[in-house]
C-alpha atoms as a PDB file:
ATOM      1  CA  MET A   1      16.491 -77.099 -10.607  1.00  0.00           C
ATOM      2  CA  SER A   2      18.581 -77.024  -7.589  1.00  0.00           C
ATOM      3  CA  ILE A   3      22.042 -75.024  -7.238  1.00  0.00           C
ATOM      4  CA  ASN A   4      24.490 -76.746  -6.343  1.00  0.00           C
ATOM      5  CA  PRO A   5      26.345 -74.703  -3.130  1.00  0.00           C
ATOM      6  CA  PHE A   6      29.116 -75.169  -3.606  1.00  0.00           C
ATOM      7  CA  VAL A   7      29.583 -74.747  -6.879  1.00  0.00           C
ATOM      8  CA  PHE A   8      27.763 -71.188  -6.645  1.00  0.00           C
ATOM      9  CA  MET A   9      30.230 -70.611  -4.324  1.00  0.00           C
ATOM     10  CA  ARG A  10      33.711 -71.290  -6.195  1.00  0.00           C
ATOM     11  CA  GLY A  11      32.335 -69.546  -9.439  1.00  0.00           C
ATOM     12  CA  THR A  12      31.663 -65.968  -7.126  1.00  0.00           C
ATOM     13  CA  ALA A  13      35.020 -66.906  -5.432  1.00  0.00           C
ATOM     14  CA  LYS A  14      36.834 -66.260  -8.510  1.00  0.00           C
ATOM     15  CA  ALA A  15      34.358 -63.817  -9.800  1.00  0.00           C
ATOM     16  CA  ALA A  16      35.318 -62.181  -6.152  1.00  0.00           C
ATOM     17  CA  ALA A  17      39.284 -62.553  -6.482  1.00  0.00           C
ATOM     18  CA  LEU A  18      39.058 -61.543  -9.927  1.00  0.00           C
ATOM     19  CA  PHE A  19      37.323 -58.273  -8.969  1.00  0.00           C
ATOM     20  CA  ILE A  20      40.216 -57.288  -5.997  1.00  0.00           C
ATOM     21  CA  ILE A  21      43.527 -58.113  -8.885  1.00  0.00           C
ATOM     22  CA  LEU A  22      41.435 -55.990 -11.464  1.00  0.00           C
ATOM     23  CA  SER A  23      41.049 -53.011  -9.032  1.00  0.00           C
ATOM     24  CA  PHE A  24      44.489 -53.491  -8.202  1.00  0.00           C
ATOM     25  CA  SER A  25      46.408 -54.179 -11.071  1.00  0.00           C
ATOM     26  CA  HIS A  26      46.324 -50.090 -11.377  1.00  0.00           C
ATOM     27  CA  PHE A  27      49.056 -50.352  -8.448  1.00  0.00           C
ATOM     28  CA  ALA A  28      51.700 -52.450 -10.640  1.00  0.00           C
ATOM     29  CA  PHE A  29      51.999 -49.965 -13.096  1.00  0.00           C
ATOM     30  CA  ALA A  30      54.175 -47.726 -14.508  1.00  0.00           C
ATOM     31  CA  GLN A  31      52.619 -44.479 -12.578  1.00  0.00           C
ATOM     32  CA  ASP A  32      52.370 -41.262 -14.663  1.00  0.00           C
ATOM     33  CA  PRO A  33      54.345 -38.254 -14.475  1.00  0.00           C
ATOM     34  CA  ILE A  34      51.626 -36.062 -14.392  1.00  0.00           C
ATOM     35  CA  GLU A  35      48.176 -37.569 -12.318  1.00  0.00           C
ATOM     36  CA  THR A  36      45.209 -37.442 -14.168  1.00  0.00           C
ATOM     37  CA  GLY A  37      43.051 -39.953 -12.621  1.00  0.00           C
ATOM     38  CA  PHE A  38      41.475 -43.398 -13.237  1.00  0.00           C
ATOM     39  CA  PHE A  39      39.037 -42.502 -16.213  1.00  0.00           C
ATOM     40  CA  ASN A  40      40.244 -39.001 -17.656  1.00  0.00           C
ATOM     41  CA  ASN A  41      43.544 -36.904 -18.768  1.00  0.00           C
ATOM     42  CA  LYS A  42      43.053 -33.665 -17.018  1.00  0.00           C
ATOM     43  CA  ALA A  43      45.200 -32.368 -15.081  1.00  0.00           C
ATOM     44  CA  ILE A  44      44.511 -31.315 -11.614  1.00  0.00           C
ATOM     45  CA  TYR A  45      41.259 -33.191 -12.092  1.00  0.00           C
ATOM     46  CA  GLY A  46      40.234 -30.192 -14.583  1.00  0.00           C
ATOM     47  CA  TYR A  47      41.355 -26.802 -11.777  1.00  0.00           C
ATOM     48  CA  ASP A  48      43.660 -23.833 -13.267  1.00  0.00           C
ATOM     49  CA  THR A  49      46.438 -24.323 -11.612  1.00  0.00           C
ATOM     50  CA  VAL A  50      47.623 -20.813 -12.813  1.00  0.00           C
ATOM     51  CA  ALA A  51      44.845 -19.116 -10.730  1.00  0.00           C
ATOM     52  CA  TYR A  52      46.266 -21.446  -7.109  1.00  0.00           C
ATOM     53  CA  PHE A  53      49.167 -19.015  -8.167  1.00  0.00           C
ATOM     54  CA  THR A  54      46.924 -15.326  -9.005  1.00  0.00           C
ATOM     55  CA  GLN A  55      44.231 -16.049  -7.992  1.00  0.00           C
ATOM     56  CA  SER A  56      44.717 -17.902  -4.460  1.00  0.00           C
ATOM     57  CA  LYS A  57      41.713 -20.781  -5.007  1.00  0.00           C
ATOM     58  CA  ALA A  58      41.146 -23.945  -6.878  1.00  0.00           C
ATOM     59  CA  LEU A  59      39.288 -22.822  -9.544  1.00  0.00           C
ATOM     60  CA  LYS A  60      37.225 -24.969 -11.684  1.00  0.00           C
ATOM     61  CA  GLY A  61      38.753 -25.148 -16.051  1.00  0.00           C
ATOM     62  CA  SER A  62      37.216 -24.957 -19.011  1.00  0.00           C
ATOM     63  CA  ASP A  63      36.709 -26.314 -21.870  1.00  0.00           C
ATOM     64  CA  ASN A  64      37.071 -23.401 -24.167  1.00  0.00           C
ATOM     65  CA  TYR A  65      40.399 -23.095 -23.050  1.00  0.00           C
ATOM     66  CA  THR A  66      43.010 -26.377 -23.175  1.00  0.00           C
ATOM     67  CA  MET A  67      46.020 -27.410 -23.867  1.00  0.00           C
ATOM     68  CA  SER A  68      48.073 -31.130 -23.669  1.00  0.00           C
ATOM     69  CA  TRP A  69      51.162 -30.589 -22.190  1.00  0.00           C
ATOM     70  CA  ARG A  70      53.453 -33.906 -20.658  1.00  0.00           C
ATOM     71  CA  GLY A  71      50.479 -36.284 -21.915  1.00  0.00           C
ATOM     72  CA  ALA A  72      47.749 -34.502 -19.474  1.00  0.00           C
ATOM     73  CA  ASP A  73      45.013 -32.430 -20.710  1.00  0.00           C
ATOM     74  CA  TRP A  74      44.703 -28.884 -19.136  1.00  0.00           C
ATOM     75  CA  PHE A  75      42.058 -26.599 -18.329  1.00  0.00           C
ATOM     76  CA  PHE A  76      42.653 -22.958 -17.730  1.00  0.00           C
ATOM     77  CA  SER A  77      39.727 -20.539 -16.603  1.00  0.00           C
ATOM     78  CA  SER A  78      40.639 -18.166 -19.364  1.00  0.00           C
ATOM     79  CA  GLN A  79      42.433 -17.319 -22.618  1.00  0.00           C
ATOM     80  CA  ALA A  80      44.661 -14.879 -19.831  1.00  0.00           C
ATOM     81  CA  HIS A  81      46.238 -17.976 -17.841  1.00  0.00           C
ATOM     82  CA  LEU A  82      46.408 -20.915 -20.298  1.00  0.00           C
ATOM     83  CA  ASP A  83      48.618 -18.128 -22.056  1.00  0.00           C
ATOM     84  CA  LEU A  84      50.838 -17.833 -19.205  1.00  0.00           C
ATOM     85  CA  PHE A  85      50.953 -21.388 -18.419  1.00  0.00           C
ATOM     86  CA  LYS A  86      52.206 -21.384 -22.511  1.00  0.00           C
ATOM     87  CA  ASN A  87      54.608 -19.332 -21.669  1.00  0.00           C
ATOM     88  CA  ASP A  88      56.045 -20.544 -18.471  1.00  0.00           C
ATOM     89  CA  PRO A  89      54.036 -24.361 -17.901  1.00  0.00           C
ATOM     90  CA  GLN A  90      57.067 -24.426 -15.549  1.00  0.00           C
ATOM     91  CA  LYS A  91      56.303 -22.468 -12.723  1.00  0.00           C
ATOM     92  CA  TYR A  92      52.369 -22.686 -12.852  1.00  0.00           C
ATOM     93  CA  ALA A  93      52.353 -26.771 -12.710  1.00  0.00           C
ATOM     94  CA  PRO A  94      52.233 -27.937  -9.651  1.00  0.00           C
ATOM     95  CA  GLN A  95      54.563 -30.382  -8.069  1.00  0.00           C
ATOM     96  CA  TYR A  96      55.684 -33.835  -8.685  1.00  0.00           C
ATOM     97  CA  GLY A  97      53.304 -33.692 -11.461  1.00  0.00           C
ATOM     98  CA  GLY A  98      49.944 -33.245  -9.331  1.00  0.00           C
ATOM     99  CA  TYR A  99      50.281 -36.166  -7.272  1.00  0.00           C
ATOM    100  CA  CYS A 100      50.037 -35.260  -2.738  1.00  0.00           C
ATOM    101  CA  ALA A 101      53.289 -33.836  -2.110  1.00  0.00           C
ATOM    102  CA  TYR A 102      53.208 -35.837   1.754  1.00  0.00           C
ATOM    103  CA  ALA A 103      52.585 -39.546  -0.013  1.00  0.00           C
ATOM    104  CA  MET A 104      56.091 -38.381  -2.733  1.00  0.00           C
ATOM    105  CA  ALA A 105      57.177 -37.963   0.182  1.00  0.00           C
ATOM    106  CA  THR A 106      57.659 -41.582   0.230  1.00  0.00           C
ATOM    107  CA  GLY A 107      56.972 -42.823  -2.789  1.00  0.00           C
ATOM    108  CA  ASP A 108      53.393 -43.184  -2.913  1.00  0.00           C
ATOM    109  CA  PHE A 109      51.658 -41.586  -5.652  1.00  0.00           C
ATOM    110  CA  VAL A 110      47.670 -40.514  -4.071  1.00  0.00           C
ATOM    111  CA  GLY A 111      45.365 -38.262  -5.640  1.00  0.00           C
ATOM    112  CA  ILE A 112      44.666 -34.857  -4.285  1.00  0.00           C
ATOM    113  CA  ASP A 113      41.939 -32.481  -2.713  1.00  0.00           C
ATOM    114  CA  GLU A 114      42.621 -29.294  -5.333  1.00  0.00           C
ATOM    115  CA  ASP A 115      41.879 -26.937  -2.138  1.00  0.00           C
ATOM    116  CA  ALA A 116      44.268 -28.578  -0.245  1.00  0.00           C
ATOM    117  CA  PHE A 117      47.009 -26.196  -1.588  1.00  0.00           C
ATOM    118  CA  VAL A 118      49.838 -23.970  -0.303  1.00  0.00           C
ATOM    119  CA  ILE A 119      52.176 -22.324  -2.663  1.00  0.00           C
ATOM    120  CA  ASP A 120      56.079 -22.241  -0.987  1.00  0.00           C
ATOM    121  CA  GLU A 121      58.779 -19.887  -2.373  1.00  0.00           C
ATOM    122  CA  GLY A 122      57.164 -20.245  -5.746  1.00  0.00           C
ATOM    123  CA  LYS A 123      56.077 -23.887  -6.402  1.00  0.00           C
ATOM    124  CA  LEU A 124      52.799 -25.283  -6.151  1.00  0.00           C
ATOM    125  CA  TYR A 125      52.097 -28.505  -3.678  1.00  0.00           C
ATOM    126  CA  LEU A 126      48.853 -30.314  -3.466  1.00  0.00           C
ATOM    127  CA  ASN A 127      47.576 -32.666  -1.336  1.00  0.00           C
ATOM    128  CA  TYR A 128      45.234 -35.305  -0.488  1.00  0.00           C
ATOM    129  CA  SER A 129      43.101 -32.971   2.170  1.00  0.00           C
ATOM    130  CA  ALA A 130      43.539 -30.745   4.604  1.00  0.00           C
ATOM    131  CA  SER A 131      44.481 -33.200   7.484  1.00  0.00           C
ATOM    132  CA  VAL A 132      47.364 -34.365   5.830  1.00  0.00           C
ATOM    133  CA  GLN A 133      48.287 -31.241   4.313  1.00  0.00           C
ATOM    134  CA  GLU A 134      48.566 -30.051   8.152  1.00  0.00           C
ATOM    135  CA  LYS A 135      51.416 -33.630   8.569  1.00  0.00           C
ATOM    136  CA  TRP A 136      52.617 -32.527   5.869  1.00  0.00           C
ATOM    137  CA  LEU A 137      52.878 -28.194   6.784  1.00  0.00           C
ATOM    138  CA  ALA A 138      54.707 -29.628  10.148  1.00  0.00           C
ATOM    139  CA  ASN A 139      57.577 -30.950   8.575  1.00  0.00           C
ATOM    140  CA  LYS A 140      57.861 -29.130   5.015  1.00  0.00           C
ATOM    141  CA  THR A 141      61.033 -28.473   3.813  1.00  0.00           C
ATOM    142  CA  GLN A 142      61.312 -31.855   4.780  1.00  0.00           C
ATOM    143  CA  TYR A 143      58.750 -33.398   3.099  1.00  0.00           C
ATOM    144  CA  ILE A 144      59.920 -31.047   0.074  1.00  0.00           C
ATOM    145  CA  GLU A 145      63.649 -32.829  -0.108  1.00  0.00           C
ATOM    146  CA  GLN A 146      62.454 -35.953   0.467  1.00  0.00           C
ATOM    147  CA  ALA A 147      59.930 -35.582  -1.759  1.00  0.00           C
ATOM    148  CA  ASP A 148      62.120 -34.398  -5.246  1.00  0.00           C
ATOM    149  CA  ALA A 149      64.149 -37.515  -4.696  1.00  0.00           C
ATOM    150  CA  GLN A 150      61.075 -39.738  -5.111  1.00  0.00           C
ATOM    151  CA  TYR A 151      59.512 -37.871  -8.269  1.00  0.00           C
ATOM    152  CA  ASN A 152      62.962 -37.532  -9.399  1.00  0.00           C
ATOM    153  CA  GLN A 153      63.814 -40.799  -8.988  1.00  0.00           C
ATOM    154  CA  GLN A 154      61.075 -42.044 -10.296  1.00  0.00           C
ATOM    155  CA  PHE A 155      61.152 -39.913 -13.576  1.00  0.00           C
ATOM    156  CA  ASN A 156      64.771 -39.341 -13.805  1.00  0.00           C
ATOM    157  CA  GLU A 157      64.297 -35.886 -14.008  1.00  0.00           C
END
């Protein structure tokens, strides 16, 4: 029994087209206000947002200290950090829901590298990578203004 190469190619083309459509279909849906990645519901991918302020570094949170806020699960490295966040989540939550601050300036929803962060005027900003962060820092004030407008327009804040 032989396989007709034209039938095989047509089937393969259909499968490839379906894969492409499904791969990019998430862009057609509305974005969540908090960035959690594709396969979980962890804000900042499970990193402790309070640690950026108290220890000036990205620190992985623990399953022992969690809470839900704005539709995402937030993880903390200690009970003290969880308590600080509970008392004032707006103070500790990253700007733009944890999406890349540089990308948000143009209205793009892009994930982050947990280690590419800046605290400016008491606010946490995350970026896609260290090199993107360099670009963002070069014109930070303008990018913040643009990103504020984009994020607020998207989520009516």
